[in-house]
Amino acid sequence: MGARLKNKKGDEFMICFTCKGDVEKSKTTYMTEYNGCFLIIKNVPCSKCTQCGEEYLNGATLQKIEVILERLKSMLTEIAIIDYSKVA
């Protein structure tokens, strides 16, 4: 994830490791391949640099992605698209 800093007021903010731009909360699409099948997860929460577009996923999000991918492996088709926000 980007570097966490605090301003003079004590408010926490993040800057991008790549370009030092501002990082804001956003959503992204996570794509991977497994056994020749493409797995796509939409609406994944992330932090994204407003300057260069670098995206950062936190540990909890990555763990949920792993759970989603394990579920998908049992019902693989050539392409699988899942909405992150609709998975319990």
PDB file of N, CA and C in Angstrom:
ATOM      1  N   MET A   1       0.844  -1.169   0.000  1.00  0.00           N
ATOM      2  CA  MET A   1       0.000   0.000   0.000  1.00  0.00           C
ATOM      3  C   MET A   1       0.887   1.229   0.000  1.00  0.00           C
ATOM      4  N   GLY A   2       0.346   2.372  -0.367  1.00  0.00           N
ATOM      5  CA  GLY A   2       1.106   3.618  -0.379  1.00  0.00           C
ATOM      6  C   GLY A   2       1.586   3.969   1.018  1.00  0.00           C
ATOM      7  N   ALA A   3       2.462   4.941   1.101  1.00  0.00           N
ATOM      8  CA  ALA A   3       3.013   5.368   2.384  1.00  0.00           C
ATOM      9  C   ALA A   3       1.960   6.143   3.167  1.00  0.00           C
ATOM     10  N   ARG A   4       1.786   5.787   4.431  1.00  0.00           N
ATOM     11  CA  ARG A   4       0.838   6.496   5.301  1.00  0.00           C
ATOM     12  C   ARG A   4       1.594   7.597   6.042  1.00  0.00           C
ATOM     13  N   LEU A   5       1.075   8.817   5.956  1.00  0.00           N
ATOM     14  CA  LEU A   5       1.682   9.974   6.600  1.00  0.00           C
ATOM     15  C   LEU A   5       0.619  10.730   7.367  1.00  0.00           C
ATOM     16  N   LYS A   6       1.047  11.673   8.205  1.00  0.00           N
ATOM     17  CA  LYS A   6       0.108  12.531   8.924  1.00  0.00           C
ATOM     18  C   LYS A   6       0.476  13.978   8.653  1.00  0.00           C
ATOM     19  N   ASN A   7      -0.566  14.809   8.462  1.00  0.00           N
ATOM     20  CA  ASN A   7      -0.310  16.232   8.268  1.00  0.00           C
ATOM     21  C   ASN A   7      -0.190  16.914   9.627  1.00  0.00           C
ATOM     22  N   LYS A   8      -0.026  18.228   9.631  1.00  0.00           N
ATOM     23  CA  LYS A   8       0.178  18.978  10.878  1.00  0.00           C
ATOM     24  C   LYS A   8      -1.000  18.860  11.837  1.00  0.00           C
ATOM     25  N   LYS A   9      -2.198  18.627  11.293  1.00  0.00           N
ATOM     26  CA  LYS A   9      -3.392  18.467  12.129  1.00  0.00           C
ATOM     27  C   LYS A   9      -3.503  17.060  12.694  1.00  0.00           C
ATOM     28  N   GLY A  10      -2.650  16.154  12.249  1.00  0.00           N
ATOM     29  CA  GLY A  10      -2.707  14.771  12.708  1.00  0.00           C
ATOM     30  C   GLY A  10      -3.573  13.879  11.848  1.00  0.00           C
ATOM     31  N   ASP A  11      -4.121  14.433  10.763  1.00  0.00           N
ATOM     32  CA  ASP A  11      -4.942  13.644   9.845  1.00  0.00           C
ATOM     33  C   ASP A  11      -4.038  12.721   9.026  1.00  0.00           C
ATOM     34  N   GLU A  12      -4.462  11.476   8.884  1.00  0.00           N
ATOM     35  CA  GLU A  12      -3.687  10.506   8.121  1.00  0.00           C
ATOM     36  C   GLU A  12      -4.038  10.592   6.645  1.00  0.00           C
ATOM     37  N   PHE A  13      -3.008  10.506   5.791  1.00  0.00           N
ATOM     38  CA  PHE A  13      -3.227  10.463   4.357  1.00  0.00           C
ATOM     39  C   PHE A  13      -2.167   9.558   3.749  1.00  0.00           C
ATOM     40  N   MET A  14      -2.357   9.204   2.474  1.00  0.00           N
ATOM     41  CA  MET A  14      -1.427   8.298   1.820  1.00  0.00           C
ATOM     42  C   MET A  14      -0.850   8.949   0.576  1.00  0.00           C
ATOM     43  N   ILE A  15       0.420   8.600   0.292  1.00  0.00           N
ATOM     44  CA  ILE A  15       1.040   9.017  -0.962  1.00  0.00           C
ATOM     45  C   ILE A  15       1.521   7.773  -1.701  1.00  0.00           C
ATOM     46  N   CYS A  16       1.573   7.886  -3.000  1.00  0.00           N
ATOM     47  CA  CYS A  16       1.947   6.782  -3.868  1.00  0.00           C
ATOM     48  C   CYS A  16       3.446   6.500  -3.773  1.00  0.00           C
ATOM     49  N   PHE A  17       3.807   5.221  -3.661  1.00  0.00           N
ATOM     50  CA  PHE A  17       5.214   4.830  -3.663  1.00  0.00           C
ATOM     51  C   PHE A  17       5.856   5.106  -5.017  1.00  0.00           C
ATOM     52  N   THR A  18       5.084   5.022  -6.094  1.00  0.00           N
ATOM     53  CA  THR A  18       5.625   5.148  -7.437  1.00  0.00           C
ATOM     54  C   THR A  18       5.941   6.596  -7.808  1.00  0.00           C
ATOM     55  N   CYS A  19       4.963   7.501  -7.599  1.00  0.00           N
ATOM     56  CA  CYS A  19       5.142   8.879  -8.079  1.00  0.00           C
ATOM     57  C   CYS A  19       4.984   9.941  -6.995  1.00  0.00           C
ATOM     58  N   LYS A  20       4.652   9.521  -5.772  1.00  0.00           N
ATOM     59  CA  LYS A  20       4.422  10.432  -4.638  1.00  0.00           C
ATOM     60  C   LYS A  20       3.142  11.252  -4.778  1.00  0.00           C
ATOM     61  N   GLY A  21       2.231  10.805  -5.652  1.00  0.00           N
ATOM     62  CA  GLY A  21       0.943  11.477  -5.811  1.00  0.00           C
ATOM     63  C   GLY A  21      -0.011  11.119  -4.676  1.00  0.00           C
ATOM     64  N   ASP A  22      -1.164  11.764  -4.652  1.00  0.00           N
ATOM     65  CA  ASP A  22      -2.190  11.502  -3.637  1.00  0.00           C
ATOM     66  C   ASP A  22      -2.892  10.183  -3.941  1.00  0.00           C
ATOM     67  N   VAL A  23      -3.176   9.423  -2.877  1.00  0.00           N
ATOM     68  CA  VAL A  23      -3.869   8.141  -3.012  1.00  0.00           C
ATOM     69  C   VAL A  23      -5.247   8.276  -2.371  1.00  0.00           C
ATOM     70  N   GLU A  24      -6.276   7.888  -3.123  1.00  0.00           N
ATOM     71  CA  GLU A  24      -7.665   7.967  -2.645  1.00  0.00           C
ATOM     72  C   GLU A  24      -8.325   6.600  -2.713  1.00  0.00           C
ATOM     73  N   LYS A  25      -9.392   6.433  -1.934  1.00  0.00           N
ATOM     74  CA  LYS A  25     -10.180   5.196  -2.003  1.00  0.00           C
ATOM     75  C   LYS A  25     -10.874   5.145  -3.352  1.00  0.00           C
ATOM     76  N   SER A  26     -10.946   3.934  -3.910  1.00  0.00           N
ATOM     77  CA  SER A  26     -11.526   3.751  -5.227  1.00  0.00           C
ATOM     78  C   SER A  26     -11.995   2.310  -5.371  1.00  0.00           C
ATOM     79  N   LYS A  27     -12.357   1.919  -6.575  1.00  0.00           N
ATOM     80  CA  LYS A  27     -12.703   0.532  -6.897  1.00  0.00           C
ATOM     81  C   LYS A  27     -11.965   0.158  -8.166  1.00  0.00           C
ATOM     82  N   THR A  28     -11.675  -1.129  -8.316  1.00  0.00           N
ATOM     83  CA  THR A  28     -10.954  -1.608  -9.477  1.00  0.00           C
ATOM     84  C   THR A  28     -11.528  -2.939  -9.926  1.00  0.00           C
ATOM     85  N   THR A  29     -11.021  -3.447 -11.010  1.00  0.00           N
ATOM     86  CA  THR A  29     -11.368  -4.774 -11.495  1.00  0.00           C
ATOM     87  C   THR A  29     -10.124  -5.638 -11.371  1.00  0.00           C
ATOM     88  N   TYR A  30     -10.250  -6.776 -10.676  1.00  0.00           N
ATOM     89  CA  TYR A  30      -9.139  -7.702 -10.464  1.00  0.00           C
ATOM     90  C   TYR A  30      -9.261  -8.822 -11.482  1.00  0.00           C
ATOM     91  N   MET A  31      -8.194  -9.050 -12.233  1.00  0.00           N
ATOM     92  CA  MET A  31      -8.217 -10.102 -13.256  1.00  0.00           C
ATOM     93  C   MET A  31      -7.044 -11.048 -13.048  1.00  0.00           C
ATOM     94  N   THR A  32      -7.294 -12.346 -13.249  1.00  0.00           N
ATOM     95  CA  THR A  32      -6.243 -13.340 -13.179  1.00  0.00           C
ATOM     96  C   THR A  32      -6.614 -14.503 -14.098  1.00  0.00           C
ATOM     97  N   GLU A  33      -5.674 -15.402 -14.275  1.00  0.00           N
ATOM     98  CA  GLU A  33      -5.910 -16.581 -15.107  1.00  0.00           C
ATOM     99  C   GLU A  33      -5.637 -17.821 -14.261  1.00  0.00           C
ATOM    100  N   TYR A  34      -6.450 -18.853 -14.460  1.00  0.00           N
ATOM    101  CA  TYR A  34      -6.266 -20.119 -13.759  1.00  0.00           C
ATOM    102  C   TYR A  34      -6.612 -21.238 -14.727  1.00  0.00           C
ATOM    103  N   ASN A  35      -5.666 -22.108 -14.995  1.00  0.00           N
ATOM    104  CA  ASN A  35      -5.874 -23.254 -15.902  1.00  0.00           C
ATOM    105  C   ASN A  35      -6.519 -22.857 -17.232  1.00  0.00           C
ATOM    106  N   GLY A  36      -6.042 -21.782 -17.825  1.00  0.00           N
ATOM    107  CA  GLY A  36      -6.562 -21.351 -19.117  1.00  0.00           C
ATOM    108  C   GLY A  36      -7.885 -20.613 -19.059  1.00  0.00           C
ATOM    109  N   CYS A  37      -8.404 -20.366 -17.867  1.00  0.00           N
ATOM    110  CA  CYS A  37      -9.663 -19.641 -17.701  1.00  0.00           C
ATOM    111  C   CYS A  37      -9.366 -18.255 -17.128  1.00  0.00           C
ATOM    112  N   PHE A  38     -10.094 -17.257 -17.595  1.00  0.00           N
ATOM    113  CA  PHE A  38      -9.929 -15.909 -17.083  1.00  0.00           C
ATOM    114  C   PHE A  38     -10.944 -15.644 -15.984  1.00  0.00           C
ATOM    115  N   LEU A  39     -10.468 -15.175 -14.850  1.00  0.00           N
ATOM    116  CA  LEU A  39     -11.324 -14.870 -13.705  1.00  0.00           C
ATOM    117  C   LEU A  39     -11.285 -13.360 -13.489  1.00  0.00           C
ATOM    118  N   ILE A  40     -12.454 -12.744 -13.465  1.00  0.00           N
ATOM    119  CA  ILE A  40     -12.571 -11.295 -13.343  1.00  0.00           C
ATOM    120  C   ILE A  40     -13.463 -10.983 -12.149  1.00  0.00           C
ATOM    121  N   ILE A  41     -12.973 -10.135 -11.250  1.00  0.00           N
ATOM    122  CA  ILE A  41     -13.762  -9.709 -10.085  1.00  0.00           C
ATOM    123  C   ILE A  41     -13.931  -8.196 -10.188  1.00  0.00           C
ATOM    124  N   LYS A  42     -15.185  -7.757 -10.312  1.00  0.00           N
ATOM    125  CA  LYS A  42     -15.486  -6.334 -10.463  1.00  0.00           C
ATOM    126  C   LYS A  42     -15.700  -5.678  -9.103  1.00  0.00           C
ATOM    127  N   ASN A  43     -15.579  -4.359  -9.071  1.00  0.00           N
ATOM    128  CA  ASN A  43     -15.892  -3.528  -7.895  1.00  0.00           C
ATOM    129  C   ASN A  43     -15.063  -3.880  -6.668  1.00  0.00           C
ATOM    130  N   VAL A  44     -13.796  -4.190  -6.867  1.00  0.00           N
ATOM    131  CA  VAL A  44     -12.894  -4.509  -5.759  1.00  0.00           C
ATOM    132  C   VAL A  44     -12.416  -3.202  -5.121  1.00  0.00           C
ATOM    133  N   PRO A  45     -12.607  -3.031  -3.798  1.00  0.00           N
ATOM    134  CA  PRO A  45     -12.136  -1.809  -3.161  1.00  0.00           C
ATOM    135  C   PRO A  45     -10.608  -1.735  -3.188  1.00  0.00           C
ATOM    136  N   CYS A  46     -10.108  -0.546  -3.452  1.00  0.00           N
ATOM    137  CA  CYS A  46      -8.662  -0.353  -3.496  1.00  0.00           C
ATOM    138  C   CYS A  46      -8.347   1.087  -3.122  1.00  0.00           C
ATOM    139  N   SER A  47      -7.074   1.377  -3.037  1.00  0.00           N
ATOM    140  CA  SER A  47      -6.596   2.747  -2.940  1.00  0.00           C
ATOM    141  C   SER A  47      -5.882   3.008  -4.252  1.00  0.00           C
ATOM    142  N   LYS A  48      -6.155   4.179  -4.878  1.00  0.00           N
ATOM    143  CA  LYS A  48      -5.623   4.448  -6.211  1.00  0.00           C
ATOM    144  C   LYS A  48      -4.996   5.833  -6.258  1.00  0.00           C
ATOM    145  N   CYS A  49      -3.821   5.905  -6.879  1.00  0.00           N
ATOM    146  CA  CYS A  49      -3.125   7.180  -7.036  1.00  0.00           C
ATOM    147  C   CYS A  49      -3.858   8.039  -8.053  1.00  0.00           C
ATOM    148  N   THR A  50      -4.127   9.282  -7.692  1.00  0.00           N
ATOM    149  CA  THR A  50      -4.823  10.195  -8.592  1.00  0.00           C
ATOM    150  C   THR A  50      -3.909  10.688  -9.708  1.00  0.00           C
ATOM    151  N   GLN A  51      -2.611  10.503  -9.534  1.00  0.00           N
ATOM    152  CA  GLN A  51      -1.657  11.006 -10.520  1.00  0.00           C
ATOM    153  C   GLN A  51      -1.257   9.944 -11.546  1.00  0.00           C
ATOM    154  N   CYS A  52      -0.787   8.784 -11.080  1.00  0.00           N
ATOM    155  CA  CYS A  52      -0.278   7.768 -12.017  1.00  0.00           C
ATOM    156  C   CYS A  52      -1.203   6.567 -12.185  1.00  0.00           C
ATOM    157  N   GLY A  53      -2.217   6.436 -11.315  1.00  0.00           N
ATOM    158  CA  GLY A  53      -3.168   5.331 -11.433  1.00  0.00           C
ATOM    159  C   GLY A  53      -2.754   4.051 -10.737  1.00  0.00           C
ATOM    160  N   GLU A  54      -1.603   4.040 -10.051  1.00  0.00           N
ATOM    161  CA  GLU A  54      -1.164   2.844  -9.314  1.00  0.00           C
ATOM    162  C   GLU A  54      -2.244   2.456  -8.306  1.00  0.00           C
ATOM    163  N   GLU A  55      -2.530   1.146  -8.233  1.00  0.00           N
ATOM    164  CA  GLU A  55      -3.575   0.662  -7.335  1.00  0.00           C
ATOM    165  C   GLU A  55      -2.976  -0.186  -6.224  1.00  0.00           C
ATOM    166  N   TYR A  56      -3.540  -0.061  -5.028  1.00  0.00           N
ATOM    167  CA  TYR A  56      -3.084  -0.791  -3.858  1.00  0.00           C
ATOM    168  C   TYR A  56      -4.268  -1.523  -3.236  1.00  0.00           C
ATOM    169  N   LEU A  57      -4.089  -2.815  -2.951  1.00  0.00           N
ATOM    170  CA  LEU A  57      -5.112  -3.627  -2.284  1.00  0.00           C
ATOM    171  C   LEU A  57      -4.628  -3.939  -0.878  1.00  0.00           C
ATOM    172  N   ASN A  58      -5.529  -3.853   0.111  1.00  0.00           N
ATOM    173  CA  ASN A  58      -5.117  -4.173   1.478  1.00  0.00           C
ATOM    174  C   ASN A  58      -5.246  -5.675   1.752  1.00  0.00           C
ATOM    175  N   GLY A  59      -4.731  -6.103   2.887  1.00  0.00           N
ATOM    176  CA  GLY A  59      -4.701  -7.528   3.230  1.00  0.00           C
ATOM    177  C   GLY A  59      -6.079  -8.169   3.302  1.00  0.00           C
ATOM    178  N   ALA A  60      -7.042  -7.474   3.898  1.00  0.00           N
ATOM    179  CA  ALA A  60      -8.395  -8.035   4.023  1.00  0.00           C
ATOM    180  C   ALA A  60      -9.028  -8.243   2.650  1.00  0.00           C
ATOM    181  N   THR A  61      -8.811  -7.297   1.748  1.00  0.00           N
ATOM    182  CA  THR A  61      -9.348  -7.423   0.390  1.00  0.00           C
ATOM    183  C   THR A  61      -8.696  -8.595  -0.332  1.00  0.00           C
ATOM    184  N   LEU A  62      -7.391  -8.734  -0.196  1.00  0.00           N
ATOM    185  CA  LEU A  62      -6.683  -9.843  -0.838  1.00  0.00           C
ATOM    186  C   LEU A  62      -7.151 -11.190  -0.292  1.00  0.00           C
ATOM    187  N   GLN A  63      -7.424 -11.270   1.009  1.00  0.00           N
ATOM    188  CA  GLN A  63      -7.931 -12.520   1.588  1.00  0.00           C
ATOM    189  C   GLN A  63      -9.301 -12.866   1.011  1.00  0.00           C
ATOM    190  N   LYS A  64     -10.170 -11.861   0.871  1.00  0.00           N
ATOM    191  CA  LYS A  64     -11.501 -12.116   0.304  1.00  0.00           C
ATOM    192  C   LYS A  64     -11.381 -12.542  -1.156  1.00  0.00           C
ATOM    193  N   ILE A  65     -10.461 -11.936  -1.891  1.00  0.00           N
ATOM    194  CA  ILE A  65     -10.233 -12.332  -3.285  1.00  0.00           C
ATOM    195  C   ILE A  65      -9.811 -13.798  -3.343  1.00  0.00           C
ATOM    196  N   GLU A  66      -8.939 -14.218  -2.446  1.00  0.00           N
ATOM    197  CA  GLU A  66      -8.513 -15.624  -2.406  1.00  0.00           C
ATOM    198  C   GLU A  66      -9.697 -16.556  -2.168  1.00  0.00           C
ATOM    199  N   VAL A  67     -10.595 -16.177  -1.269  1.00  0.00           N
ATOM    200  CA  VAL A  67     -11.793 -16.978  -0.993  1.00  0.00           C
ATOM    201  C   VAL A  67     -12.668 -17.049  -2.245  1.00  0.00           C
ATOM    202  N   ILE A  68     -12.874 -15.911  -2.890  1.00  0.00           N
ATOM    203  CA  ILE A  68     -13.690 -15.878  -4.107  1.00  0.00           C
ATOM    204  C   ILE A  68     -13.075 -16.776  -5.176  1.00  0.00           C
ATOM    205  N   LEU A  69     -11.767 -16.683  -5.370  1.00  0.00           N
ATOM    206  CA  LEU A  69     -11.092 -17.492  -6.391  1.00  0.00           C
ATOM    207  C   LEU A  69     -11.195 -18.979  -6.092  1.00  0.00           C
ATOM    208  N   GLU A  70     -11.096 -19.370  -4.830  1.00  0.00           N
ATOM    209  CA  GLU A  70     -11.246 -20.785  -4.471  1.00  0.00           C
ATOM    210  C   GLU A  70     -12.644 -21.282  -4.811  1.00  0.00           C
ATOM    211  N   ARG A  71     -13.663 -20.462  -4.563  1.00  0.00           N
ATOM    212  CA  ARG A  71     -15.039 -20.845  -4.907  1.00  0.00           C
ATOM    213  C   ARG A  71     -15.193 -20.985  -6.423  1.00  0.00           C
ATOM    214  N   LEU A  72     -14.594 -20.058  -7.161  1.00  0.00           N
ATOM    215  CA  LEU A  72     -14.726 -20.072  -8.616  1.00  0.00           C
ATOM    216  C   LEU A  72     -14.053 -21.278  -9.252  1.00  0.00           C
ATOM    217  N   LYS A  73     -12.977 -21.769  -8.660  1.00  0.00           N
ATOM    218  CA  LYS A  73     -12.231 -22.881  -9.247  1.00  0.00           C
ATOM    219  C   LYS A  73     -13.095 -24.121  -9.425  1.00  0.00           C
ATOM    220  N   SER A  74     -14.103 -24.278  -8.593  1.00  0.00           N
ATOM    221  CA  SER A  74     -14.960 -25.455  -8.682  1.00  0.00           C
ATOM    222  C   SER A  74     -16.024 -25.336  -9.776  1.00  0.00           C
ATOM    223  N   MET A  75     -16.217 -24.150 -10.309  1.00  0.00           N
ATOM    224  CA  MET A  75     -17.239 -23.968 -11.347  1.00  0.00           C
ATOM    225  C   MET A  75     -16.686 -23.205 -12.538  1.00  0.00           C
ATOM    226  N   LEU A  76     -15.475 -23.545 -12.922  1.00  0.00           N
ATOM    227  CA  LEU A  76     -14.800 -22.806 -13.980  1.00  0.00           C
ATOM    228  C   LEU A  76     -15.436 -22.978 -15.348  1.00  0.00           C
ATOM    229  N   THR A  77     -15.488 -21.881 -16.036  1.00  0.00           N
ATOM    230  CA  THR A  77     -15.832 -21.843 -17.443  1.00  0.00           C
ATOM    231  C   THR A  77     -14.673 -21.109 -18.112  1.00  0.00           C
ATOM    232  N   GLU A  78     -14.817 -20.749 -19.338  1.00  0.00           N
ATOM    233  CA  GLU A  78     -13.713 -20.059 -20.007  1.00  0.00           C
ATOM    234  C   GLU A  78     -13.482 -18.674 -19.406  1.00  0.00           C
ATOM    235  N   ILE A  79     -14.565 -17.984 -19.054  1.00  0.00           N
ATOM    236  CA  ILE A  79     -14.474 -16.665 -18.424  1.00  0.00           C
ATOM    237  C   ILE A  79     -15.467 -16.632 -17.268  1.00  0.00           C
ATOM    238  N   ALA A  80     -15.022 -16.169 -16.101  1.00  0.00           N
ATOM    239  CA  ALA A  80     -15.915 -16.006 -14.947  1.00  0.00           C
ATOM    240  C   ALA A  80     -15.802 -14.569 -14.464  1.00  0.00           C
ATOM    241  N   ILE A  81     -16.961 -13.893 -14.316  1.00  0.00           N
ATOM    242  CA  ILE A  81     -16.989 -12.515 -13.842  1.00  0.00           C
ATOM    243  C   ILE A  81     -17.846 -12.467 -12.587  1.00  0.00           C
ATOM    244  N   ILE A  82     -17.269 -11.948 -11.503  1.00  0.00           N
ATOM    245  CA  ILE A  82     -17.945 -11.880 -10.212  1.00  0.00           C
ATOM    246  C   ILE A  82     -17.916 -10.435  -9.715  1.00  0.00           C
ATOM    247  N   ASP A  83     -18.983  -9.979  -9.060  1.00  0.00           N
ATOM    248  CA  ASP A  83     -19.025  -8.656  -8.451  1.00  0.00           C
ATOM    249  C   ASP A  83     -18.602  -8.782  -6.996  1.00  0.00           C
ATOM    250  N   TYR A  84     -17.464  -8.224  -6.630  1.00  0.00           N
ATOM    251  CA  TYR A  84     -16.893  -8.295  -5.289  1.00  0.00           C
ATOM    252  C   TYR A  84     -17.908  -7.841  -4.237  1.00  0.00           C
ATOM    253  N   SER A  85     -18.625  -6.762  -4.527  1.00  0.00           N
ATOM    254  CA  SER A  85     -19.546  -6.187  -3.547  1.00  0.00           C
ATOM    255  C   SER A  85     -20.772  -7.055  -3.286  1.00  0.00           C
ATOM    256  N   LYS A  86     -20.995  -8.082  -4.113  1.00  0.00           N
ATOM    257  CA  LYS A  86     -22.170  -8.938  -3.937  1.00  0.00           C
ATOM    258  C   LYS A  86     -21.821 -10.315  -3.404  1.00  0.00           C
ATOM    259  N   VAL A  87     -20.565 -10.515  -2.976  1.00  0.00           N
ATOM    260  CA  VAL A  87     -20.130 -11.801  -2.431  1.00  0.00           C
ATOM    261  C   VAL A  87     -20.063 -11.666  -0.909  1.00  0.00           C
ATOM    262  N   ALA A  88     -20.699 -12.570  -0.236  1.00  0.00           N
ATOM    263  CA  ALA A  88     -20.716 -12.524   1.240  1.00  0.00           C
ATOM    264  C   ALA A  88     -19.423 -13.008   1.836  1.00  0.00           C
TER     265      ALA A  88
END
